[in-house]
């Protein structure tokens, strides 16, 4: 089978090599799928660089999420061969979705919701499942609360915007260019802040009439997360989702204590099959009701994977990009 393999650490355009491999055999609790499409994300970039906590040993095939049809089953898996599924790949063992076939964790494998194409489904599950865990499970977002979404024009941010609106919140999107601002408005953001225009803390306070944010959804980390934490309302929560900036935020504890605010970690892992199935069902209902839609903005062919992932690394992608492996 064709595969894009990482044999050394570096930038995606430099280290992704097209190779021919034997299709992997699924282990217990795993399924093999013939990939139709695979989502591209920042964790894939970080794996190429050797900077992601779950980077497998070299060489490996990355690609965290994919859509395809089941071709083989490991012990204890009851999926039917030929079933179309989407979900999380066994990327941490080196068998990710940037190939003709990949392995998937059966517990993180779900039907493609009605209303999503194969390409759209390939970029849907991880961003929206993470947004659900962040906003609902960890953040306890309430209707009419205000949520600020950092990095709002990317895959994680666009999912959080839509879900926040679906849950009845007022959503403020923070972006860094006009194209991302336009996308966020089209997804229903009530207010869009361009962080290039001035101090972010002041802009958040102005947009909330001095109240501050009840919740900050932060896949960016670093200075952006630290500044946003200083614009939290009383009892506000900063959700530490990711570190696209290269480091986690480090807000001063004294400030959190004095303002009665919190920083909450969000990890989209360790959830049971039953819990994930419930999240999938709730997200599917929101898709069916028109409250959620795909934010896949680009689909690239298999041969263009290295350049496309490099554009993700260079922050040149608006929304979510997927690779089409097999029609």
C-alpha atoms as a PDB file:
ATOM      1  CA  UNK A   1       0.000   0.000   0.000  1.00  0.00           C
ATOM      2  CA  UNK A   2       1.031   3.628  -0.451  1.00  0.00           C
ATOM      3  CA  UNK A   3       1.938   5.523   2.709  1.00  0.00           C
ATOM      4  CA  UNK A   4       3.547   8.795   3.783  1.00  0.00           C
ATOM      5  CA  UNK A   5       6.159   7.808   6.335  1.00  0.00           C
ATOM      6  CA  UNK A   6       8.234   9.916   8.721  1.00  0.00           C
ATOM      7  CA  UNK A   7      11.775   8.540   9.081  1.00  0.00           C
ATOM      8  CA  UNK A   8      13.436  11.531  10.794  1.00  0.00           C
ATOM      9  CA  UNK A   9      12.328  14.598  12.726  1.00  0.00           C
ATOM     10  CA  UNK A  10      11.757  17.877  10.911  1.00  0.00           C
ATOM     11  CA  UNK A  11       9.273  19.941   8.946  1.00  0.00           C
ATOM     12  CA  UNK A  12       6.528  17.973   7.162  1.00  0.00           C
ATOM     13  CA  UNK A  13       7.635  18.994   3.666  1.00  0.00           C
ATOM     14  CA  UNK A  14      11.134  17.725   4.421  1.00  0.00           C
ATOM     15  CA  UNK A  15      10.535  14.483   6.311  1.00  0.00           C
ATOM     16  CA  UNK A  16       7.395  12.912   4.821  1.00  0.00           C
ATOM     17  CA  UNK A  17       8.487  10.206   2.368  1.00  0.00           C
ATOM     18  CA  UNK A  18       6.219   8.204   0.089  1.00  0.00           C
ATOM     19  CA  UNK A  19       6.850   4.490   0.585  1.00  0.00           C
ATOM     20  CA  UNK A  20       5.233   1.137  -0.132  1.00  0.00           C
ATOM     21  CA  UNK A  21       4.344  -0.906   2.959  1.00  0.00           C
ATOM     22  CA  UNK A  22       2.459  -4.073   3.781  1.00  0.00           C
ATOM     23  CA  UNK A  23      -1.007  -3.340   5.129  1.00  0.00           C
ATOM     24  CA  UNK A  24      -0.885  -3.569   8.951  1.00  0.00           C
ATOM     25  CA  UNK A  25      -2.578  -6.407  10.817  1.00  0.00           C
ATOM     26  CA  UNK A  26      -5.070  -5.174  13.426  1.00  0.00           C
ATOM     27  CA  UNK A  27      -4.394  -6.142  17.025  1.00  0.00           C
ATOM     28  CA  UNK A  28      -6.966  -6.772  19.763  1.00  0.00           C
ATOM     29  CA  UNK A  29      -9.522  -3.966  19.897  1.00  0.00           C
ATOM     30  CA  UNK A  30      -8.441  -2.582  16.527  1.00  0.00           C
ATOM     31  CA  UNK A  31      -9.844  -2.517  13.004  1.00  0.00           C
ATOM     32  CA  UNK A  32      -8.133  -1.893   9.694  1.00  0.00           C
ATOM     33  CA  UNK A  33      -9.808   0.420   7.200  1.00  0.00           C
ATOM     34  CA  UNK A  34      -9.219   1.338   3.589  1.00  0.00           C
ATOM     35  CA  UNK A  35      -8.816   5.088   3.920  1.00  0.00           C
ATOM     36  CA  UNK A  36     -11.115   7.301   1.877  1.00  0.00           C
ATOM     37  CA  UNK A  37     -10.018  10.557   3.518  1.00  0.00           C
ATOM     38  CA  UNK A  38      -7.850  11.645   6.454  1.00  0.00           C
ATOM     39  CA  UNK A  39      -7.868  14.860   8.472  1.00  0.00           C
ATOM     40  CA  UNK A  40      -4.758  17.005   8.853  1.00  0.00           C
ATOM     41  CA  UNK A  41      -4.068  18.626  12.196  1.00  0.00           C
ATOM     42  CA  UNK A  42      -1.406  20.360  14.247  1.00  0.00           C
ATOM     43  CA  UNK A  43      -0.619  17.153  16.199  1.00  0.00           C
ATOM     44  CA  UNK A  44       0.473  15.611  12.887  1.00  0.00           C
ATOM     45  CA  UNK A  45       2.871  18.514  12.381  1.00  0.00           C
ATOM     46  CA  UNK A  46       4.225  18.097  15.901  1.00  0.00           C
ATOM     47  CA  UNK A  47       4.724  14.365  15.335  1.00  0.00           C
ATOM     48  CA  UNK A  48       6.794  15.139  12.238  1.00  0.00           C
ATOM     49  CA  UNK A  49       8.913  17.416  14.407  1.00  0.00           C
ATOM     50  CA  UNK A  50       9.183  14.832  17.190  1.00  0.00           C
ATOM     51  CA  UNK A  51       7.519  17.299  19.569  1.00  0.00           C
ATOM     52  CA  UNK A  52       4.183  15.598  20.279  1.00  0.00           C
ATOM     53  CA  UNK A  53       3.816  13.620  23.545  1.00  0.00           C
ATOM     54  CA  UNK A  54       2.374  10.588  21.704  1.00  0.00           C
ATOM     55  CA  UNK A  55       4.888  10.541  18.837  1.00  0.00           C
ATOM     56  CA  UNK A  56       5.647   6.882  17.987  1.00  0.00           C
ATOM     57  CA  UNK A  57       9.105   5.525  17.341  1.00  0.00           C
ATOM     58  CA  UNK A  58      10.634   6.120  13.916  1.00  0.00           C
ATOM     59  CA  UNK A  59       9.682   5.339  11.236  1.00  0.00           C
ATOM     60  CA  UNK A  60       5.919   5.899  11.437  1.00  0.00           C
ATOM     61  CA  UNK A  61       2.830   6.975   9.526  1.00  0.00           C
ATOM     62  CA  UNK A  62       0.952   9.852  11.169  1.00  0.00           C
ATOM     63  CA  UNK A  63      -2.606  11.061  10.624  1.00  0.00           C
ATOM     64  CA  UNK A  64      -4.830  11.074  13.716  1.00  0.00           C
ATOM     65  CA  UNK A  65      -8.291  10.791  12.165  1.00  0.00           C
ATOM     66  CA  UNK A  66      -9.734   9.169   9.078  1.00  0.00           C
ATOM     67  CA  UNK A  67     -12.816   7.890   7.306  1.00  0.00           C
ATOM     68  CA  UNK A  68     -12.981   4.628   5.381  1.00  0.00           C
ATOM     69  CA  UNK A  69     -14.370   1.115   5.096  1.00  0.00           C
ATOM     70  CA  UNK A  70     -13.422  -1.760   7.390  1.00  0.00           C
ATOM     71  CA  UNK A  71     -11.177  -4.377   5.738  1.00  0.00           C
ATOM     72  CA  UNK A  72      -9.990  -6.465   8.713  1.00  0.00           C
ATOM     73  CA  UNK A  73     -10.747  -6.932  12.402  1.00  0.00           C
ATOM     74  CA  UNK A  74      -8.674  -7.664  15.477  1.00  0.00           C
ATOM     75  CA  UNK A  75      -9.791  -9.880  18.349  1.00  0.00           C
ATOM     76  CA  UNK A  76     -12.852  -8.673  20.211  1.00  0.00           C
ATOM     77  CA  UNK A  77     -14.074  -6.283  17.489  1.00  0.00           C
ATOM     78  CA  UNK A  78     -17.611  -6.717  16.193  1.00  0.00           C
ATOM     79  CA  UNK A  79     -17.678  -4.302  13.274  1.00  0.00           C
ATOM     80  CA  UNK A  80     -18.814  -5.691   9.943  1.00  0.00           C
ATOM     81  CA  UNK A  81     -16.304  -5.866   7.100  1.00  0.00           C
ATOM     82  CA  UNK A  82     -17.167  -3.164   4.573  1.00  0.00           C
ATOM     83  CA  UNK A  83     -18.764  -0.892   7.185  1.00  0.00           C
ATOM     84  CA  UNK A  84     -18.049   2.801   6.650  1.00  0.00           C
ATOM     85  CA  UNK A  85     -16.633   4.446   9.784  1.00  0.00           C
ATOM     86  CA  UNK A  86     -14.839   7.527  11.025  1.00  0.00           C
ATOM     87  CA  UNK A  87     -12.674   7.929  14.066  1.00  0.00           C
ATOM     88  CA  UNK A  88      -9.245   7.971  15.687  1.00  0.00           C
ATOM     89  CA  UNK A  89      -6.405   6.005  14.136  1.00  0.00           C
ATOM     90  CA  UNK A  90      -3.712   3.969  15.887  1.00  0.00           C
ATOM     91  CA  UNK A  91      -1.295   6.809  15.125  1.00  0.00           C
ATOM     92  CA  UNK A  92       0.561   6.359  18.404  1.00  0.00           C
ATOM     93  CA  UNK A  93       1.734   2.955  17.142  1.00  0.00           C
ATOM     94  CA  UNK A  94       2.743   4.368  13.768  1.00  0.00           C
ATOM     95  CA  UNK A  95      -0.280   3.305  11.695  1.00  0.00           C
ATOM     96  CA  UNK A  96      -2.037   6.628  11.073  1.00  0.00           C
ATOM     97  CA  UNK A  97      -4.323   7.730   8.282  1.00  0.00           C
ATOM     98  CA  UNK A  98      -1.827   9.083   5.735  1.00  0.00           C
ATOM     99  CA  UNK A  99      -1.864   5.802   3.826  1.00  0.00           C
ATOM    100  CA  UNK A 100      -4.103   3.608   1.688  1.00  0.00           C
ATOM    101  CA  UNK A 101      -4.965   1.590   4.782  1.00  0.00           C
ATOM    102  CA  UNK A 102      -4.618   2.332   8.477  1.00  0.00           C
ATOM    103  CA  UNK A 103      -5.530   0.943  11.871  1.00  0.00           C
ATOM    104  CA  UNK A 104      -8.250   2.421  14.057  1.00  0.00           C
ATOM    105  CA  UNK A 105      -9.160   1.983  17.707  1.00  0.00           C
ATOM    106  CA  UNK A 106     -12.495   0.174  17.689  1.00  0.00           C
ATOM    107  CA  UNK A 107     -13.699   2.077  20.768  1.00  0.00           C
ATOM    108  CA  UNK A 108     -13.068   5.372  18.944  1.00  0.00           C
ATOM    109  CA  UNK A 109     -14.687   4.258  15.683  1.00  0.00           C
ATOM    110  CA  UNK A 110     -18.176   5.521  14.824  1.00  0.00           C
ATOM    111  CA  UNK A 111     -20.640   5.648  11.938  1.00  0.00           C
ATOM    112  CA  UNK A 112     -20.448   8.671   9.661  1.00  0.00           C
ATOM    113  CA  UNK A 113     -23.350  10.936  10.723  1.00  0.00           C
ATOM    114  CA  UNK A 114     -26.036  11.636   8.167  1.00  0.00           C
ATOM    115  CA  UNK A 115     -25.354  15.012   6.609  1.00  0.00           C
ATOM    116  CA  UNK A 116     -21.577  14.627   6.370  1.00  0.00           C
ATOM    117  CA  UNK A 117     -19.688  13.497   3.287  1.00  0.00           C
ATOM    118  CA  UNK A 118     -16.712  11.165   3.680  1.00  0.00           C
ATOM    119  CA  UNK A 119     -14.318  14.089   3.308  1.00  0.00           C
ATOM    120  CA  UNK A 120     -16.205  16.174   5.861  1.00  0.00           C
ATOM    121  CA  UNK A 121     -16.332  13.277   8.326  1.00  0.00           C
ATOM    122  CA  UNK A 122     -12.564  12.802   8.082  1.00  0.00           C
ATOM    123  CA  UNK A 123     -12.036  16.224   9.656  1.00  0.00           C
ATOM    124  CA  UNK A 124     -14.993  16.254  12.054  1.00  0.00           C
ATOM    125  CA  UNK A 125     -14.619  13.843  14.951  1.00  0.00           C
ATOM    126  CA  UNK A 126     -11.494  14.951  16.826  1.00  0.00           C
ATOM    127  CA  UNK A 127     -12.183  18.744  16.741  1.00  0.00           C
ATOM    128  CA  UNK A 128     -15.851  18.391  17.682  1.00  0.00           C
ATOM    129  CA  UNK A 129     -15.367  15.629  20.246  1.00  0.00           C
ATOM    130  CA  UNK A 130     -12.664  17.770  21.872  1.00  0.00           C
ATOM    131  CA  UNK A 131     -14.947  20.814  21.818  1.00  0.00           C
ATOM    132  CA  UNK A 132     -17.695  18.790  23.510  1.00  0.00           C
ATOM    133  CA  UNK A 133     -15.363  17.519  26.214  1.00  0.00           C
ATOM    134  CA  UNK A 134     -14.002  21.032  26.741  1.00  0.00           C
ATOM    135  CA  UNK A 135     -17.197  23.068  26.730  1.00  0.00           C
ATOM    136  CA  UNK A 136     -19.638  20.537  28.199  1.00  0.00           C
ATOM    137  CA  UNK A 137     -17.758  17.993  30.301  1.00  0.00           C
ATOM    138  CA  UNK A 138     -14.920  20.139  31.630  1.00  0.00           C
ATOM    139  CA  UNK A 139     -16.111  23.704  31.173  1.00  0.00           C
ATOM    140  CA  UNK A 140     -19.747  23.220  32.218  1.00  0.00           C
ATOM    141  CA  UNK A 141     -20.812  25.936  29.797  1.00  0.00           C
ATOM    142  CA  UNK A 142     -24.248  27.359  30.599  1.00  0.00           C
ATOM    143  CA  UNK A 143     -26.682  29.063  28.198  1.00  0.00           C
ATOM    144  CA  UNK A 144     -26.107  32.837  27.911  1.00  0.00           C
ATOM    145  CA  UNK A 145     -22.554  32.595  29.226  1.00  0.00           C
ATOM    146  CA  UNK A 146     -19.832  34.205  27.118  1.00  0.00           C
ATOM    147  CA  UNK A 147     -17.126  31.975  25.665  1.00  0.00           C
ATOM    148  CA  UNK A 148     -14.003  33.380  24.026  1.00  0.00           C
ATOM    149  CA  UNK A 149     -12.426  31.062  21.447  1.00  0.00           C
ATOM    150  CA  UNK A 150      -8.721  31.558  20.771  1.00  0.00           C
ATOM    151  CA  UNK A 151      -7.316  30.369  17.449  1.00  0.00           C
ATOM    152  CA  UNK A 152     -10.903  30.543  16.252  1.00  0.00           C
ATOM    153  CA  UNK A 153     -10.171  30.144  12.536  1.00  0.00           C
ATOM    154  CA  UNK A 154      -8.592  26.685  12.795  1.00  0.00           C
ATOM    155  CA  UNK A 155     -10.112  23.227  13.052  1.00  0.00           C
ATOM    156  CA  UNK A 156     -10.390  23.272  16.863  1.00  0.00           C
ATOM    157  CA  UNK A 157     -11.641  26.833  17.015  1.00  0.00           C
ATOM    158  CA  UNK A 158     -14.328  26.505  14.367  1.00  0.00           C
ATOM    159  CA  UNK A 159     -15.726  23.447  16.156  1.00  0.00           C
ATOM    160  CA  UNK A 160     -15.861  25.359  19.459  1.00  0.00           C
ATOM    161  CA  UNK A 161     -17.620  28.328  17.853  1.00  0.00           C
ATOM    162  CA  UNK A 162     -20.423  26.198  16.458  1.00  0.00           C
ATOM    163  CA  UNK A 163     -20.845  24.073  19.564  1.00  0.00           C
ATOM    164  CA  UNK A 164     -20.833  27.131  21.814  1.00  0.00           C
ATOM    165  CA  UNK A 165     -23.627  28.679  19.767  1.00  0.00           C
ATOM    166  CA  UNK A 166     -25.562  25.396  19.744  1.00  0.00           C
ATOM    167  CA  UNK A 167     -25.371  25.349  23.549  1.00  0.00           C
ATOM    168  CA  UNK A 168     -26.842  28.844  23.791  1.00  0.00           C
ATOM    169  CA  UNK A 169     -23.672  30.793  24.607  1.00  0.00           C
ATOM    170  CA  UNK A 170     -22.477  34.135  23.280  1.00  0.00           C
ATOM    171  CA  UNK A 171     -19.316  33.416  21.318  1.00  0.00           C
ATOM    172  CA  UNK A 172     -16.379  35.773  20.783  1.00  0.00           C
ATOM    173  CA  UNK A 173     -13.864  34.557  18.202  1.00  0.00           C
ATOM    174  CA  UNK A 174     -10.219  35.670  18.306  1.00  0.00           C
ATOM    175  CA  UNK A 175      -8.382  35.550  14.967  1.00  0.00           C
ATOM    176  CA  UNK A 176      -5.371  37.058  13.234  1.00  0.00           C
ATOM    177  CA  UNK A 177      -6.541  37.854   9.714  1.00  0.00           C
ATOM    178  CA  UNK A 178      -9.564  38.826   7.646  1.00  0.00           C
ATOM    179  CA  UNK A 179     -10.124  35.407   6.034  1.00  0.00           C
ATOM    180  CA  UNK A 180     -10.418  33.723   9.425  1.00  0.00           C
ATOM    181  CA  UNK A 181     -12.652  36.510  10.676  1.00  0.00           C
ATOM    182  CA  UNK A 182     -15.018  35.993   7.745  1.00  0.00           C
ATOM    183  CA  UNK A 183     -15.191  32.238   8.373  1.00  0.00           C
ATOM    184  CA  UNK A 184     -15.947  32.750  12.070  1.00  0.00           C
ATOM    185  CA  UNK A 185     -18.767  35.165  11.301  1.00  0.00           C
ATOM    186  CA  UNK A 186     -20.241  32.663   8.849  1.00  0.00           C
ATOM    187  CA  UNK A 187     -20.272  30.081  11.654  1.00  0.00           C
ATOM    188  CA  UNK A 188     -22.283  32.363  13.927  1.00  0.00           C
ATOM    189  CA  UNK A 189     -19.692  34.096  16.094  1.00  0.00           C
ATOM    190  CA  UNK A 190     -21.362  37.044  17.827  1.00  0.00           C
ATOM    191  CA  UNK A 191     -18.171  39.092  17.864  1.00  0.00           C
ATOM    192  CA  UNK A 192     -14.793  38.715  16.173  1.00  0.00           C
ATOM    193  CA  UNK A 193     -11.605  40.177  17.639  1.00  0.00           C
ATOM    194  CA  UNK A 194      -8.496  40.641  15.510  1.00  0.00           C
ATOM    195  CA  UNK A 195      -5.643  40.267  17.991  1.00  0.00           C
ATOM    196  CA  UNK A 196      -3.420  42.345  15.697  1.00  0.00           C
ATOM    197  CA  UNK A 197      -5.548  45.422  16.329  1.00  0.00           C
ATOM    198  CA  UNK A 198      -4.573  46.021  19.958  1.00  0.00           C
ATOM    199  CA  UNK A 199      -4.263  44.511  23.448  1.00  0.00           C
ATOM    200  CA  UNK A 200      -6.343  41.323  23.619  1.00  0.00           C
ATOM    201  CA  UNK A 201      -7.358  41.741  27.261  1.00  0.00           C
ATOM    202  CA  UNK A 202      -8.811  45.184  26.578  1.00  0.00           C
ATOM    203  CA  UNK A 203     -10.636  43.926  23.486  1.00  0.00           C
ATOM    204  CA  UNK A 204     -12.266  41.072  25.428  1.00  0.00           C
ATOM    205  CA  UNK A 205     -13.338  43.390  28.227  1.00  0.00           C
ATOM    206  CA  UNK A 206     -14.715  45.895  25.719  1.00  0.00           C
ATOM    207  CA  UNK A 207     -16.652  43.157  23.904  1.00  0.00           C
ATOM    208  CA  UNK A 208     -18.212  42.012  27.198  1.00  0.00           C
ATOM    209  CA  UNK A 209     -18.981  45.500  28.572  1.00  0.00           C
ATOM    210  CA  UNK A 210     -16.376  44.981  31.264  1.00  0.00           C
ATOM    211  CA  UNK A 211     -17.825  41.689  32.510  1.00  0.00           C
ATOM    212  CA  UNK A 212     -15.102  39.481  31.082  1.00  0.00           C
ATOM    213  CA  UNK A 213     -15.287  35.983  29.621  1.00  0.00           C
ATOM    214  CA  UNK A 214     -17.072  33.221  31.502  1.00  0.00           C
ATOM    215  CA  UNK A 215     -15.082  30.662  29.549  1.00  0.00           C
ATOM    216  CA  UNK A 216     -11.953  30.813  27.364  1.00  0.00           C
ATOM    217  CA  UNK A 217     -11.443  27.908  24.943  1.00  0.00           C
ATOM    218  CA  UNK A 218      -7.696  27.889  24.381  1.00  0.00           C
ATOM    219  CA  UNK A 219      -6.047  25.608  21.821  1.00  0.00           C
ATOM    220  CA  UNK A 220      -3.262  28.195  21.367  1.00  0.00           C
ATOM    221  CA  UNK A 221      -1.585  28.467  24.770  1.00  0.00           C
ATOM    222  CA  UNK A 222       1.417  30.683  25.415  1.00  0.00           C
ATOM    223  CA  UNK A 223       0.990  34.428  25.705  1.00  0.00           C
ATOM    224  CA  UNK A 224      -2.495  34.399  24.162  1.00  0.00           C
ATOM    225  CA  UNK A 225      -3.800  32.108  26.883  1.00  0.00           C
ATOM    226  CA  UNK A 226      -2.072  34.087  29.616  1.00  0.00           C
ATOM    227  CA  UNK A 227      -3.510  37.386  28.394  1.00  0.00           C
ATOM    228  CA  UNK A 228      -7.008  35.931  27.965  1.00  0.00           C
ATOM    229  CA  UNK A 229      -6.877  34.542  31.510  1.00  0.00           C
ATOM    230  CA  UNK A 230      -6.618  38.126  32.746  1.00  0.00           C
ATOM    231  CA  UNK A 231      -9.932  38.905  31.050  1.00  0.00           C
ATOM    232  CA  UNK A 232     -11.968  36.234  32.838  1.00  0.00           C
ATOM    233  CA  UNK A 233     -15.125  37.137  34.713  1.00  0.00           C
ATOM    234  CA  UNK A 234     -15.604  36.096  38.323  1.00  0.00           C
ATOM    235  CA  UNK A 235     -15.757  32.282  38.430  1.00  0.00           C
ATOM    236  CA  UNK A 236     -14.458  32.261  34.851  1.00  0.00           C
ATOM    237  CA  UNK A 237     -12.649  29.203  33.483  1.00  0.00           C
ATOM    238  CA  UNK A 238      -9.696  28.980  31.125  1.00  0.00           C
ATOM    239  CA  UNK A 239      -9.814  25.683  29.225  1.00  0.00           C
ATOM    240  CA  UNK A 240      -6.275  24.553  28.400  1.00  0.00           C
ATOM    241  CA  UNK A 241      -6.948  22.564  25.213  1.00  0.00           C
ATOM    242  CA  UNK A 242      -3.670  22.790  23.304  1.00  0.00           C
ATOM    243  CA  UNK A 243      -0.433  24.641  22.684  1.00  0.00           C
ATOM    244  CA  UNK A 244      -0.364  25.659  19.021  1.00  0.00           C
ATOM    245  CA  UNK A 245       1.914  28.532  20.046  1.00  0.00           C
ATOM    246  CA  UNK A 246       4.568  26.056  21.163  1.00  0.00           C
ATOM    247  CA  UNK A 247       3.992  26.152  24.925  1.00  0.00           C
ATOM    248  CA  UNK A 248       1.229  25.910  27.505  1.00  0.00           C
ATOM    249  CA  UNK A 249      -0.026  29.108  29.180  1.00  0.00           C
ATOM    250  CA  UNK A 250       1.353  29.921  32.610  1.00  0.00           C
ATOM    251  CA  UNK A 251      -1.093  32.370  34.205  1.00  0.00           C
ATOM    252  CA  UNK A 252      -0.021  33.562  37.652  1.00  0.00           C
ATOM    253  CA  UNK A 253      -1.795  31.585  40.374  1.00  0.00           C
ATOM    254  CA  UNK A 254      -2.138  34.687  42.533  1.00  0.00           C
ATOM    255  CA  UNK A 255      -4.211  36.335  39.831  1.00  0.00           C
ATOM    256  CA  UNK A 256      -6.461  33.267  39.478  1.00  0.00           C
ATOM    257  CA  UNK A 257      -6.994  33.203  43.228  1.00  0.00           C
ATOM    258  CA  UNK A 258      -7.692  36.923  43.564  1.00  0.00           C
ATOM    259  CA  UNK A 259     -10.265  36.819  40.771  1.00  0.00           C
ATOM    260  CA  UNK A 260     -11.842  33.496  41.819  1.00  0.00           C
ATOM    261  CA  UNK A 261     -11.079  32.042  38.382  1.00  0.00           C
ATOM    262  CA  UNK A 262      -9.773  28.650  37.288  1.00  0.00           C
ATOM    263  CA  UNK A 263      -7.598  26.939  34.713  1.00  0.00           C
ATOM    264  CA  UNK A 264      -8.974  23.557  33.628  1.00  0.00           C
ATOM    265  CA  UNK A 265      -7.152  20.913  31.636  1.00  0.00           C
ATOM    266  CA  UNK A 266      -8.925  19.351  28.656  1.00  0.00           C
ATOM    267  CA  UNK A 267      -7.712  15.963  27.430  1.00  0.00           C
ATOM    268  CA  UNK A 268      -9.788  14.178  24.794  1.00  0.00           C
ATOM    269  CA  UNK A 269      -8.599  10.741  25.868  1.00  0.00           C
ATOM    270  CA  UNK A 270      -9.444   8.128  28.477  1.00  0.00           C
ATOM    271  CA  UNK A 271     -13.190   8.183  27.778  1.00  0.00           C
ATOM    272  CA  UNK A 272     -15.107   4.909  27.676  1.00  0.00           C
ATOM    273  CA  UNK A 273     -16.833   3.526  24.603  1.00  0.00           C
ATOM    274  CA  UNK A 274     -20.192   4.369  26.180  1.00  0.00           C
ATOM    275  CA  UNK A 275     -19.136   7.967  26.848  1.00  0.00           C
ATOM    276  CA  UNK A 276     -17.783   8.434  23.316  1.00  0.00           C
ATOM    277  CA  UNK A 277     -20.921   6.917  21.805  1.00  0.00           C
ATOM    278  CA  UNK A 278     -23.041   9.384  23.767  1.00  0.00           C
ATOM    279  CA  UNK A 279     -20.935  12.304  22.517  1.00  0.00           C
ATOM    280  CA  UNK A 280     -21.222  10.976  18.952  1.00  0.00           C
ATOM    281  CA  UNK A 281     -25.000  10.706  19.320  1.00  0.00           C
ATOM    282  CA  UNK A 282     -25.333  14.252  20.647  1.00  0.00           C
ATOM    283  CA  UNK A 283     -23.119  15.687  17.902  1.00  0.00           C
ATOM    284  CA  UNK A 284     -25.054  13.735  15.276  1.00  0.00           C
ATOM    285  CA  UNK A 285     -28.300  15.236  16.574  1.00  0.00           C
ATOM    286  CA  UNK A 286     -26.831  18.732  16.255  1.00  0.00           C
ATOM    287  CA  UNK A 287     -25.736  17.998  12.681  1.00  0.00           C
ATOM    288  CA  UNK A 288     -29.204  16.698  11.810  1.00  0.00           C
ATOM    289  CA  UNK A 289     -30.746  19.825  13.335  1.00  0.00           C
ATOM    290  CA  UNK A 290     -28.488  22.156  11.378  1.00  0.00           C
ATOM    291  CA  UNK A 291     -26.633  23.478  14.444  1.00  0.00           C
ATOM    292  CA  UNK A 292     -23.294  21.959  13.387  1.00  0.00           C
ATOM    293  CA  UNK A 293     -21.707  21.717   9.972  1.00  0.00           C
ATOM    294  CA  UNK A 294     -18.347  20.683   8.652  1.00  0.00           C
ATOM    295  CA  UNK A 295     -15.638  23.319   8.464  1.00  0.00           C
ATOM    296  CA  UNK A 296     -13.505  21.376   6.002  1.00  0.00           C
ATOM    297  CA  UNK A 297     -12.429  24.101   3.598  1.00  0.00           C
ATOM    298  CA  UNK A 298     -10.068  22.116   1.387  1.00  0.00           C
ATOM    299  CA  UNK A 299      -9.515  18.537   0.206  1.00  0.00           C
ATOM    300  CA  UNK A 300      -6.130  17.667  -1.302  1.00  0.00           C
ATOM    301  CA  UNK A 301      -5.104  14.537  -3.217  1.00  0.00           C
ATOM    302  CA  UNK A 302      -2.822  11.910  -1.712  1.00  0.00           C
ATOM    303  CA  UNK A 303       0.259  13.126  -3.584  1.00  0.00           C
ATOM    304  CA  UNK A 304      -0.048  16.645  -2.126  1.00  0.00           C
ATOM    305  CA  UNK A 305      -0.061  15.578   1.516  1.00  0.00           C
ATOM    306  CA  UNK A 306       3.453  16.887   2.447  1.00  0.00           C
ATOM    307  CA  UNK A 307       2.847  20.384   1.055  1.00  0.00           C
ATOM    308  CA  UNK A 308      -0.629  20.542   2.588  1.00  0.00           C
ATOM    309  CA  UNK A 309       0.629  19.524   6.041  1.00  0.00           C
ATOM    310  CA  UNK A 310       3.419  22.081   5.693  1.00  0.00           C
ATOM    311  CA  UNK A 311       0.764  24.756   5.160  1.00  0.00           C
ATOM    312  CA  UNK A 312      -0.848  23.612   8.403  1.00  0.00           C
ATOM    313  CA  UNK A 313       2.573  23.977  10.052  1.00  0.00           C
ATOM    314  CA  UNK A 314       2.945  27.464   8.574  1.00  0.00           C
ATOM    315  CA  UNK A 315      -0.545  28.468   9.774  1.00  0.00           C
ATOM    316  CA  UNK A 316      -1.590  29.080   6.192  1.00  0.00           C
ATOM    317  CA  UNK A 317      -4.774  26.988   6.413  1.00  0.00           C
ATOM    318  CA  UNK A 318      -8.169  28.503   7.227  1.00  0.00           C
ATOM    319  CA  UNK A 319     -10.619  25.986   8.683  1.00  0.00           C
ATOM    320  CA  UNK A 320      -9.825  22.289   8.243  1.00  0.00           C
ATOM    321  CA  UNK A 321      -7.991  20.525   5.406  1.00  0.00           C
ATOM    322  CA  UNK A 322      -8.277  16.806   4.595  1.00  0.00           C
ATOM    323  CA  UNK A 323      -6.410  14.399   2.320  1.00  0.00           C
ATOM    324  CA  UNK A 324      -8.365  12.252  -0.108  1.00  0.00           C
ATOM    325  CA  UNK A 325      -6.681   8.853  -0.341  1.00  0.00           C
ATOM    326  CA  UNK A 326      -9.135   6.656  -2.217  1.00  0.00           C
ATOM    327  CA  UNK A 327     -12.281   7.620  -4.103  1.00  0.00           C
END
